Protein backbone atom coordinates (compact mmCIF):
# COMPACT_ATOMS: atom_id res chain seq x y z
CA MET A 1 19.38 -23.63 37.98
CA PRO A 2 16.30 -23.44 35.59
CA ARG A 3 13.36 -21.20 36.70
CA ARG A 4 10.26 -23.04 38.02
CA THR A 5 7.25 -22.77 35.46
CA ALA A 6 4.69 -20.41 37.06
CA THR A 7 1.27 -22.17 37.92
CA LEU A 8 -2.38 -20.98 38.08
CA GLU A 9 -1.77 -20.77 41.89
CA ASP A 10 1.24 -18.48 41.53
CA VAL A 11 -0.89 -16.19 39.31
CA ALA A 12 -3.81 -16.20 41.86
CA ARG A 13 -1.36 -15.38 44.68
CA ALA A 14 0.27 -12.49 42.65
CA ALA A 15 -3.02 -11.00 41.47
CA GLY A 16 -4.48 -11.32 44.96
CA VAL A 17 -7.47 -13.31 43.71
CA SER A 18 -8.75 -16.86 43.76
CA GLN A 19 -7.61 -19.65 41.38
CA GLN A 20 -11.31 -19.78 40.20
CA THR A 21 -11.07 -16.15 38.99
CA VAL A 22 -7.79 -16.55 37.26
CA SER A 23 -9.45 -19.71 35.52
CA ARG A 24 -12.59 -17.54 34.61
CA VAL A 25 -10.18 -14.70 33.19
CA LEU A 26 -8.66 -17.46 30.93
CA ASN A 27 -11.96 -19.26 29.90
CA ARG A 28 -14.86 -16.85 30.49
CA PRO A 29 -13.22 -13.28 30.58
CA GLU A 30 -16.60 -11.50 30.01
CA VAL A 31 -17.88 -12.62 33.53
CA VAL A 32 -14.88 -10.92 35.19
CA SER A 33 -14.69 -7.17 35.94
CA ALA A 34 -12.13 -5.18 33.67
CA ARG A 35 -10.07 -4.20 36.72
CA THR A 36 -9.88 -7.86 38.00
CA ARG A 37 -8.94 -8.90 34.47
CA GLU A 38 -6.24 -6.27 34.29
CA GLN A 39 -4.81 -7.49 37.66
CA VAL A 40 -4.70 -11.02 36.48
CA ILE A 41 -3.15 -10.25 33.19
CA ARG A 42 -0.46 -8.17 34.67
CA ALA A 43 0.38 -11.00 37.09
CA MET A 44 0.40 -13.50 34.11
CA GLN A 45 2.91 -11.10 32.19
CA ALA A 46 5.08 -10.58 35.13
CA LEU A 47 5.36 -14.39 36.04
CA HIS A 48 5.58 -15.43 32.15
CA TYR A 49 2.67 -17.66 32.83
CA VAL A 50 1.69 -20.08 29.95
CA PRO A 51 -1.84 -21.46 30.10
CA ASN A 52 -2.09 -25.22 29.78
CA ARG A 53 -3.78 -25.18 26.32
CA SER A 54 -4.01 -29.04 26.33
CA ALA A 55 -6.09 -28.84 29.43
CA GLN A 56 -8.25 -26.16 27.89
CA LEU A 57 -8.85 -28.35 24.79
CA LEU A 58 -9.84 -31.41 26.80
CA ALA A 59 -12.27 -29.23 28.78
CA GLY A 60 -13.69 -27.95 25.50
CA LYS A 61 -12.30 -24.41 26.16
CA ALA A 62 -9.76 -23.87 23.63
CA ALA A 63 -8.10 -20.44 23.64
CA PRO A 64 -10.16 -17.98 21.43
CA SER A 65 -8.18 -17.32 18.15
CA ILE A 66 -8.21 -15.13 15.16
CA GLY A 67 -6.88 -15.93 11.67
CA LEU A 68 -4.23 -13.88 9.71
CA ILE A 69 -4.00 -14.50 5.95
CA THR A 70 -0.68 -12.79 4.82
CA ALA A 71 2.03 -12.80 2.26
CA SER A 72 5.16 -14.62 3.05
CA LEU A 73 6.72 -13.70 6.30
CA THR A 74 10.18 -13.70 4.76
CA LEU A 75 9.11 -10.13 3.51
CA HIS A 76 9.70 -7.23 5.70
CA ALA A 77 6.32 -5.46 5.68
CA PRO A 78 4.25 -8.69 6.31
CA SER A 79 6.39 -9.92 8.94
CA GLN A 80 6.26 -6.52 10.76
CA ILE A 81 2.42 -6.44 10.32
CA ALA A 82 2.11 -10.10 11.64
CA ALA A 83 4.26 -9.32 14.78
CA ALA A 84 2.21 -6.27 15.77
CA ILE A 85 -1.01 -8.12 15.34
CA LYS A 86 0.19 -11.08 17.37
CA SER A 87 1.63 -8.79 20.01
CA HIS A 88 -1.65 -7.05 20.35
CA ALA A 89 -3.77 -10.13 20.29
CA SER A 90 -1.73 -11.57 23.22
CA LEU A 91 -2.98 -8.63 25.47
CA HIS A 92 -6.33 -9.90 24.95
CA GLN A 93 -5.51 -13.55 25.47
CA LEU A 94 -6.03 -14.33 21.72
CA GLU A 95 -4.14 -16.73 19.62
CA VAL A 96 -3.32 -16.03 16.03
CA ALA A 97 -3.22 -18.67 13.35
CA ILE A 98 -1.27 -17.65 10.43
CA ALA A 99 -2.03 -18.73 6.76
CA MET A 100 -0.04 -17.96 3.76
CA PRO A 101 -1.47 -18.58 0.35
CA ALA A 102 0.82 -19.26 -2.56
CA GLN A 103 -1.26 -16.88 -4.67
CA ALA A 104 -3.53 -14.06 -3.69
CA ASP A 105 -6.46 -15.44 -5.89
CA PHE A 106 -9.94 -16.41 -4.80
CA VAL A 107 -9.38 -20.20 -4.82
CA ALA A 108 -6.23 -19.92 -2.81
CA LEU A 109 -7.79 -17.64 -0.29
CA GLN A 110 -10.96 -19.67 0.03
CA ALA A 111 -8.72 -22.80 0.86
CA ARG A 112 -6.95 -20.85 3.55
CA LEU A 113 -10.30 -19.79 5.05
CA ASP A 114 -11.51 -23.27 4.96
CA GLU A 115 -8.37 -24.39 6.83
CA LEU A 116 -9.03 -21.74 9.49
CA ARG A 117 -12.63 -22.45 9.80
CA ALA A 118 -11.69 -26.17 10.60
CA GLN A 119 -9.72 -24.77 13.58
CA HIS A 120 -12.98 -23.21 14.85
CA ILE A 121 -11.87 -19.60 13.90
CA ARG A 122 -14.43 -17.16 13.00
CA GLY A 123 -12.61 -13.90 12.59
CA VAL A 124 -9.89 -13.37 9.86
CA ILE A 125 -7.44 -10.44 9.03
CA VAL A 126 -6.47 -10.52 5.46
CA SER A 127 -3.28 -8.60 4.93
CA LEU A 128 -2.79 -9.01 1.18
CA PRO A 129 -3.51 -6.62 -1.78
CA LEU A 130 -6.92 -7.82 -3.26
CA GLU A 131 -9.16 -6.54 -5.97
CA SER A 132 -12.52 -5.33 -4.71
CA ALA A 133 -14.38 -8.29 -6.60
CA THR A 134 -12.34 -10.80 -4.79
CA ALA A 135 -12.68 -9.38 -1.42
CA GLU A 136 -16.40 -9.01 -1.75
CA ARG A 137 -16.95 -12.65 -2.95
CA LEU A 138 -14.88 -13.96 0.05
CA VAL A 139 -17.34 -12.10 2.36
CA GLN A 140 -20.21 -13.09 0.34
CA ASP A 141 -19.29 -16.81 0.20
CA ASN A 142 -18.33 -17.01 3.95
CA PRO A 143 -21.06 -15.41 5.96
CA ASP A 144 -19.94 -17.29 9.09
CA MET A 145 -16.45 -15.53 8.93
CA ALA A 146 -15.87 -12.02 10.03
CA CYS A 147 -13.24 -10.72 7.59
CA LEU A 148 -11.08 -7.56 8.06
CA PHE A 149 -9.10 -6.41 5.07
CA LEU A 150 -5.96 -4.32 5.09
CA ASP A 151 -5.31 -3.49 1.45
CA VAL A 152 -8.34 -3.14 -0.68
CA SER A 153 -9.93 -0.21 -2.54
CA PRO A 154 -12.08 2.13 -0.35
CA GLU A 155 -14.84 1.57 -2.69
CA ALA A 156 -14.81 -2.12 -1.90
CA ASP A 157 -18.13 -3.14 0.00
CA VAL A 158 -16.21 -4.90 2.82
CA CYS A 159 -14.93 -4.10 6.34
CA CYS A 160 -11.36 -2.61 6.03
CA VAL A 161 -8.66 -0.70 7.64
CA ARG A 162 -6.25 1.22 5.46
CA PHE A 163 -2.74 2.85 6.16
CA ASP A 164 -1.91 6.33 5.40
CA HIS A 165 0.44 5.36 2.62
CA ARG A 166 0.79 8.87 1.18
CA ASP A 167 1.79 10.15 4.61
CA GLY A 168 4.24 7.28 5.09
CA CYS A 169 5.82 7.82 1.63
CA GLY A 170 5.95 11.48 2.19
CA ALA A 171 7.93 10.85 5.57
CA CYS A 172 10.48 8.70 3.77
CA VAL A 173 10.97 10.99 0.87
CA ARG A 174 11.39 14.05 3.15
CA HIS A 175 13.92 12.16 5.37
CA LEU A 176 16.11 11.28 2.36
CA TRP A 177 15.78 14.72 1.01
CA GLU A 178 17.09 16.21 4.25
CA LEU A 179 20.03 13.88 4.21
CA GLY A 180 21.12 15.50 0.65
CA HIS A 181 19.65 12.92 -1.61
CA ARG A 182 18.03 14.23 -4.86
CA GLU A 183 17.24 11.15 -6.96
CA PHE A 184 14.92 8.54 -5.71
CA GLY A 185 13.94 4.91 -6.90
CA LEU A 186 10.27 3.82 -6.25
CA LEU A 187 9.18 0.17 -6.05
CA ALA A 188 5.44 0.58 -5.75
CA GLY A 189 4.41 -3.03 -5.83
CA PRO A 190 1.60 -4.79 -7.90
CA GLU A 191 -0.88 -2.77 -9.68
CA SER A 192 -3.62 -4.61 -7.79
CA SER A 193 -2.41 -3.09 -4.60
CA VAL A 194 -4.18 -0.12 -3.28
CA SER A 195 -0.79 0.77 -1.42
CA ALA A 196 1.11 0.72 -4.71
CA VAL A 197 -1.55 2.91 -6.48
CA CYS A 198 -1.51 5.43 -3.41
CA VAL A 199 2.19 5.67 -3.38
CA SER A 200 3.01 7.21 -7.05
CA PRO A 201 6.19 8.86 -8.46
CA ALA A 202 3.95 12.01 -8.74
CA GLY A 203 3.17 11.72 -4.93
CA ALA A 204 6.76 11.33 -4.10
CA ARG A 205 7.66 14.42 -6.23
CA ARG A 206 5.02 16.48 -4.35
CA CYS A 207 6.74 15.60 -1.03
CA THR A 208 10.10 17.18 -2.22
CA VAL A 209 8.31 20.56 -3.05
């Protein structure tokens, strides 16, 4: 027998709050205390509650969303990054709209930003290797969009988060070395990628010393 779909009333009962409070957590979480929000979110997760997005749209209260501009999700690393972003966003009741440009050039990226803007999205994570000039121009030409970049030079005048690629490369090399391997191949990626520049053959050799 199929499981009955959880309702707003079910969530309210499980969380020990009113239906109005559950509605506020969904639509105006800033007016609800952190403790109560956590109770309601735990109840939603336990009941596998799915908010009625159509009703929220009709009420002019679409779920807050962020954008993710990324490479093809058929690739392992981009798909893992996207999955982690979506998982964390869901904990905060955020939807993630994903855009995958065919090229990582300014024109293609600007087109994807325009598409996300049309969806009333004002915050975007850009998970693509970009040259500093391209990233900076995107920020300058889109002042209404908050852009966070994941693969740009530390010298770029943009908001960014960078991975510790050297440490990751070192962990991989040490693991293979301990298994007895002494010859390694390195596919670093495009020269425009900060990740590729950080992970160099010289760096890999240092990890084995």
